[in-house]
Amino acid sequence: MIPEHGSKKFQCPHCETVATQEWFTANNASSTATNIINHLYLNYRANIDDYSQKIISRFLQEIKKPFSSNFYNFVPDDFAVATCSSCEDFTLWVNEEIVFPKKTTLPPPNADLSEDIKSLYLEASSILIDSPKGSTALLRLALQKLLEQVGKSGKNINGDIKELVAEGLSPKIQQALDLLRVVGNNAVHPGQINLEDNADIAQKLFGILNFIAEELLTKPKELEQLYADLIPTETQEHIKQRDGT
């Protein structure tokens, strides 16, 4: 759950826990400040006599309304702070956009991706909140380079996917490839999918890219290594003779 202005619950960018958020805005600033003052008084009143308590209590009641109306003027309308109930750290918002911290809770790129693809992945993640469309366009480019890494041209994504399907590609991987291709195309050439204000769609594409890398790079590599480690060399030669390879 990407942080969203006004949301009661989202994934905190500090502790990465999906937690309830307490909001401080211009609308509730005065009541929040008043509650703080009242709580301070409640904690302190045990140390003072009854007469003084009555005077202070009366004073707090008298200033409640003028304090609220005046305090409101000191908090800009476009300013907000959300405090995480899990780690008690905060996010800072201006004009309904998060300005601190500028990071998202995304998994790292698959370790078997080439370094230039990892670089594109990290660059895309760094602009996800500010520009979901730009982030998606970078992931589309990463897909092109991933297809190159698995031996395809990388020049025509649709054509490369067609070749992989003809070679027996799993339907699930084909769907993942086409999902990233089609949504990525909408980022480069606007179509039916609006990415301007939808970071949730863009965020899911990072997982899709890692899924594709896992299926096309990591699993084949692991299987090849396991085969080499467990099957004796002589047996491997017999298998090659059997298959004429």
Protein backbone atom coordinates (compact mmCIF):
# COMPACT_ATOMS: atom_id res chain seq x y z
CA MET A 1 0.00 0.00 0.00
CA ILE A 2 1.78 3.11 -1.26
CA PRO A 3 1.41 6.12 1.06
CA GLU A 4 -1.63 8.16 0.03
CA HIS A 5 -2.65 11.54 1.41
CA GLY A 6 -5.42 11.24 3.98
CA SER A 7 -5.33 7.44 4.08
CA LYS A 8 -5.92 5.97 7.54
CA LYS A 9 -3.53 3.11 6.81
CA PHE A 10 -0.58 2.59 4.46
CA GLN A 11 2.85 0.97 4.33
CA CYS A 12 5.17 3.19 6.32
CA PRO A 13 8.31 4.09 4.31
CA HIS A 14 10.34 4.05 7.55
CA CYS A 15 9.47 0.70 9.18
CA GLU A 16 7.81 -0.84 6.06
CA THR A 17 4.82 -1.96 8.16
CA VAL A 18 1.24 -1.48 6.98
CA ALA A 19 0.06 0.59 9.93
CA THR A 20 -2.55 3.10 11.04
CA GLN A 21 -1.55 6.73 10.50
CA GLU A 22 -2.47 9.69 12.72
CA TRP A 23 -2.84 12.87 10.66
CA PHE A 24 -2.01 16.44 11.68
CA THR A 25 -3.44 18.99 9.23
CA ALA A 26 -4.80 22.53 9.19
CA ASN A 27 -8.26 21.10 9.84
CA ASN A 28 -7.36 19.37 13.10
CA ALA A 29 -4.32 21.41 14.18
CA SER A 30 -6.09 23.49 16.82
CA SER A 31 -7.91 20.55 18.41
CA THR A 32 -4.67 18.54 18.46
CA ALA A 33 -2.79 21.39 20.15
CA THR A 34 -5.63 21.89 22.63
CA ASN A 35 -5.62 18.21 23.53
CA ILE A 36 -1.86 18.35 24.11
CA ILE A 37 -2.23 21.30 26.49
CA ASN A 38 -5.08 19.56 28.36
CA HIS A 39 -3.07 16.36 28.72
CA LEU A 40 -0.09 18.31 30.03
CA TYR A 41 -2.34 19.91 32.61
CA LEU A 42 -3.84 16.54 33.63
CA ASN A 43 -0.36 15.13 34.15
CA TYR A 44 0.73 18.18 36.17
CA ARG A 45 -2.30 18.90 38.34
CA ALA A 46 -1.39 16.37 41.03
CA ASN A 47 1.42 18.74 42.00
CA ILE A 48 -0.78 21.80 42.67
CA ASP A 49 -3.54 22.66 45.14
CA ASP A 50 -7.28 22.47 44.41
CA TYR A 51 -7.75 26.22 44.16
CA SER A 52 -5.02 26.56 41.53
CA GLN A 53 -6.45 23.62 39.63
CA LYS A 54 -9.84 25.34 39.37
CA ILE A 55 -8.25 28.56 38.09
CA ILE A 56 -6.17 26.72 35.47
CA SER A 57 -9.15 24.61 34.39
CA ARG A 58 -11.31 27.73 34.01
CA PHE A 59 -8.53 29.43 32.04
CA LEU A 60 -8.24 26.49 29.65
CA GLN A 61 -11.98 26.54 29.02
CA GLU A 62 -11.94 30.31 28.40
CA ILE A 63 -9.13 30.22 25.83
CA LYS A 64 -10.29 27.07 24.01
CA LYS A 65 -12.36 28.83 21.33
CA PRO A 66 -10.07 31.87 20.64
CA PHE A 67 -7.01 29.59 20.76
CA SER A 68 -8.55 27.24 18.17
CA SER A 69 -9.49 30.03 15.76
CA ASN A 70 -6.07 31.70 16.05
CA PHE A 71 -3.91 28.58 15.97
CA TYR A 72 -5.53 27.54 12.67
CA ASN A 73 -3.84 30.54 11.00
CA PHE A 74 -0.38 29.20 11.78
CA VAL A 75 -0.78 25.93 9.86
CA PRO A 76 -0.79 26.19 6.03
CA ASP A 77 -3.74 24.58 4.27
CA ASP A 78 -1.47 22.50 2.05
CA PHE A 79 0.65 21.11 4.91
CA ALA A 80 0.16 17.74 6.68
CA VAL A 81 2.04 15.25 8.84
CA ALA A 82 1.16 11.56 9.23
CA THR A 83 2.59 9.69 12.21
CA CYS A 84 3.00 5.91 12.01
CA SER A 85 1.38 3.96 14.86
CA SER A 86 4.01 1.23 14.51
CA CYS A 87 7.34 3.08 14.59
CA GLU A 88 6.04 6.56 15.57
CA ASP A 89 8.07 8.14 12.76
CA PHE A 90 6.39 10.61 10.41
CA THR A 91 5.84 11.42 6.76
CA LEU A 92 5.65 15.05 5.63
CA TRP A 93 3.15 16.14 2.98
CA VAL A 94 2.74 19.33 0.91
CA ASN A 95 -0.10 19.82 -1.59
CA GLU A 96 -1.20 16.21 -0.89
CA GLU A 97 2.18 14.90 -2.09
CA ILE A 98 4.70 13.17 0.16
CA VAL A 99 7.93 15.19 0.39
CA PHE A 100 9.65 13.24 3.19
CA PRO A 101 10.93 10.60 3.06
CA LYS A 102 11.32 10.23 -0.69
CA LYS A 103 11.47 6.45 -0.85
CA THR A 104 9.24 3.46 -1.50
CA THR A 105 9.13 0.01 0.00
CA LEU A 106 10.07 -1.97 -3.10
CA PRO A 107 12.00 -5.25 -3.22
CA PRO A 108 15.53 -5.07 -4.65
CA PRO A 109 16.07 -6.05 -8.30
CA ASN A 110 16.65 -9.72 -9.04
CA ALA A 111 20.33 -10.52 -8.48
CA ASP A 112 20.67 -12.22 -11.89
CA LEU A 113 19.68 -9.14 -13.86
CA SER A 114 22.50 -7.39 -15.70
CA GLU A 115 23.95 -4.30 -14.05
CA ASP A 116 22.37 -1.88 -16.53
CA ILE A 117 18.94 -3.42 -15.89
CA LYS A 118 19.46 -3.15 -12.13
CA SER A 119 20.39 0.49 -12.63
CA LEU A 120 17.17 1.13 -14.58
CA TYR A 121 15.16 -0.67 -11.89
CA LEU A 122 16.64 1.50 -9.12
CA GLU A 123 16.18 4.68 -11.14
CA ALA A 124 12.55 3.75 -11.78
CA SER A 125 11.98 3.12 -8.07
CA SER A 126 13.47 6.50 -7.16
CA ILE A 127 10.86 8.40 -9.22
CA LEU A 128 7.87 6.11 -8.60
CA ILE A 129 6.01 8.49 -6.27
CA ASP A 130 6.78 11.66 -8.25
CA SER A 131 6.23 10.14 -11.70
CA PRO A 132 4.52 6.74 -12.00
CA LYS A 133 4.44 7.26 -15.76
CA GLY A 134 8.19 7.90 -15.98
CA SER A 135 8.87 4.97 -13.68
CA THR A 136 6.83 2.65 -15.90
CA ALA A 137 8.61 3.87 -19.03
CA LEU A 138 11.96 2.95 -17.44
CA LEU A 139 10.65 -0.52 -16.56
CA ARG A 140 9.62 -0.99 -20.20
CA LEU A 141 13.20 -0.19 -21.21
CA ALA A 142 14.41 -2.65 -18.57
CA LEU A 143 12.18 -5.31 -20.16
CA GLN A 144 13.78 -4.68 -23.55
CA LYS A 145 17.22 -5.21 -22.05
CA LEU A 146 16.03 -8.31 -20.19
CA LEU A 147 14.90 -9.82 -23.48
CA GLU A 148 18.36 -9.08 -24.86
CA GLN A 149 19.86 -10.82 -21.82
CA VAL A 150 17.94 -14.01 -22.63
CA GLY A 151 19.17 -13.97 -26.23
CA LYS A 152 16.52 -12.00 -28.10
CA SER A 153 16.96 -8.82 -30.11
CA GLY A 154 15.40 -6.45 -27.60
CA LYS A 155 14.39 -4.19 -30.49
CA ASN A 156 10.82 -5.44 -30.82
CA ILE A 157 9.34 -6.58 -27.52
CA ASN A 158 6.23 -8.03 -29.11
CA GLY A 159 8.29 -9.99 -31.64
CA ASP A 160 10.65 -11.26 -28.95
CA ILE A 161 7.71 -12.51 -26.87
CA LYS A 162 6.29 -14.26 -29.95
CA GLU A 163 9.61 -16.08 -30.44
CA LEU A 164 9.70 -17.18 -26.81
CA VAL A 165 6.12 -18.48 -27.03
CA ALA A 166 7.05 -20.47 -30.16
CA GLU A 167 9.93 -21.97 -28.16
CA GLY A 168 7.49 -23.24 -25.52
CA LEU A 169 7.34 -20.35 -23.07
CA SER A 170 4.98 -20.86 -20.14
CA PRO A 171 1.64 -19.01 -20.55
CA LYS A 172 2.12 -17.39 -17.14
CA ILE A 173 5.46 -15.90 -18.15
CA GLN A 174 3.95 -14.80 -21.48
CA GLN A 175 1.18 -12.98 -19.58
CA ALA A 176 3.74 -11.30 -17.33
CA LEU A 177 5.78 -10.18 -20.34
CA ASP A 178 2.73 -8.83 -22.16
CA LEU A 179 1.47 -7.13 -19.02
CA LEU A 180 4.70 -5.19 -18.65
CA ARG A 181 4.85 -4.56 -22.39
CA VAL A 182 1.29 -3.21 -22.73
CA VAL A 183 1.36 -1.05 -19.60
CA GLY A 184 4.85 0.15 -20.52
CA ASN A 185 3.65 1.11 -23.99
CA ASN A 186 0.94 3.25 -22.39
CA ALA A 187 3.63 5.13 -20.49
CA VAL A 188 5.52 5.88 -23.71
CA HIS A 189 2.50 6.25 -26.00
CA PRO A 190 -0.61 7.28 -23.98
CA GLY A 191 -3.53 4.89 -24.45
CA GLN A 192 -6.32 3.42 -22.37
CA ILE A 193 -4.33 3.04 -19.14
CA ASN A 194 -3.88 6.28 -17.17
CA LEU A 195 -0.60 6.17 -15.25
CA GLU A 196 -0.35 9.84 -14.35
CA ASP A 197 -1.76 9.48 -10.82
CA ASN A 198 -1.68 5.73 -10.33
CA ALA A 199 1.47 4.70 -8.52
CA ASP A 200 -0.14 1.41 -7.42
CA ILE A 201 -0.12 0.06 -10.99
CA ALA A 202 3.49 1.15 -11.51
CA GLN A 203 4.52 -0.40 -8.19
CA LYS A 204 3.16 -3.82 -9.16
CA LEU A 205 5.28 -3.79 -12.33
CA PHE A 206 8.48 -3.99 -10.28
CA GLY A 207 7.29 -7.34 -8.94
CA ILE A 208 6.37 -8.43 -12.47
CA LEU A 209 9.87 -7.64 -13.76
CA ASN A 210 11.44 -9.59 -10.90
CA PHE A 211 9.05 -12.50 -11.56
CA ILE A 212 10.11 -12.59 -15.22
CA ALA A 213 13.78 -12.49 -14.23
CA GLU A 214 13.22 -15.30 -11.71
CA GLU A 215 11.60 -17.52 -14.35
CA LEU A 216 13.85 -16.73 -17.31
CA LEU A 217 17.20 -16.24 -15.54
CA THR A 218 17.36 -17.50 -11.97
CA LYS A 219 15.52 -20.83 -12.19
CA PRO A 220 17.29 -22.02 -15.38
CA LYS A 221 20.66 -21.05 -13.85
CA GLU A 222 19.89 -22.89 -10.61
CA LEU A 223 18.72 -25.99 -12.52
CA GLU A 224 21.84 -25.97 -14.70
CA GLN A 225 24.06 -25.69 -11.62
CA LEU A 226 22.21 -28.48 -9.83
CA TYR A 227 22.48 -30.71 -12.91
CA ALA A 228 26.22 -30.06 -13.14
CA ASP A 229 26.73 -30.75 -9.43
CA LEU A 230 24.66 -33.95 -9.13
CA ILE A 231 24.92 -35.72 -12.49
CA PRO A 232 28.34 -37.38 -13.05
CA THR A 233 30.21 -36.17 -16.12
CA GLU A 234 30.16 -39.65 -17.68
CA THR A 235 26.38 -39.83 -17.25
CA GLN A 236 26.02 -36.40 -18.79
CA GLU A 237 27.92 -37.63 -21.86
CA HIS A 238 25.61 -40.68 -22.15
CA ILE A 239 22.60 -38.35 -22.03
CA LYS A 240 24.08 -36.19 -24.79
CA GLN A 241 24.67 -39.28 -26.96
CA ARG A 242 21.11 -40.43 -26.31
CA ASP A 243 19.69 -37.09 -27.42
CA GLY A 244 22.18 -36.54 -30.23
CA THR A 245 23.36 -33.22 -28.82
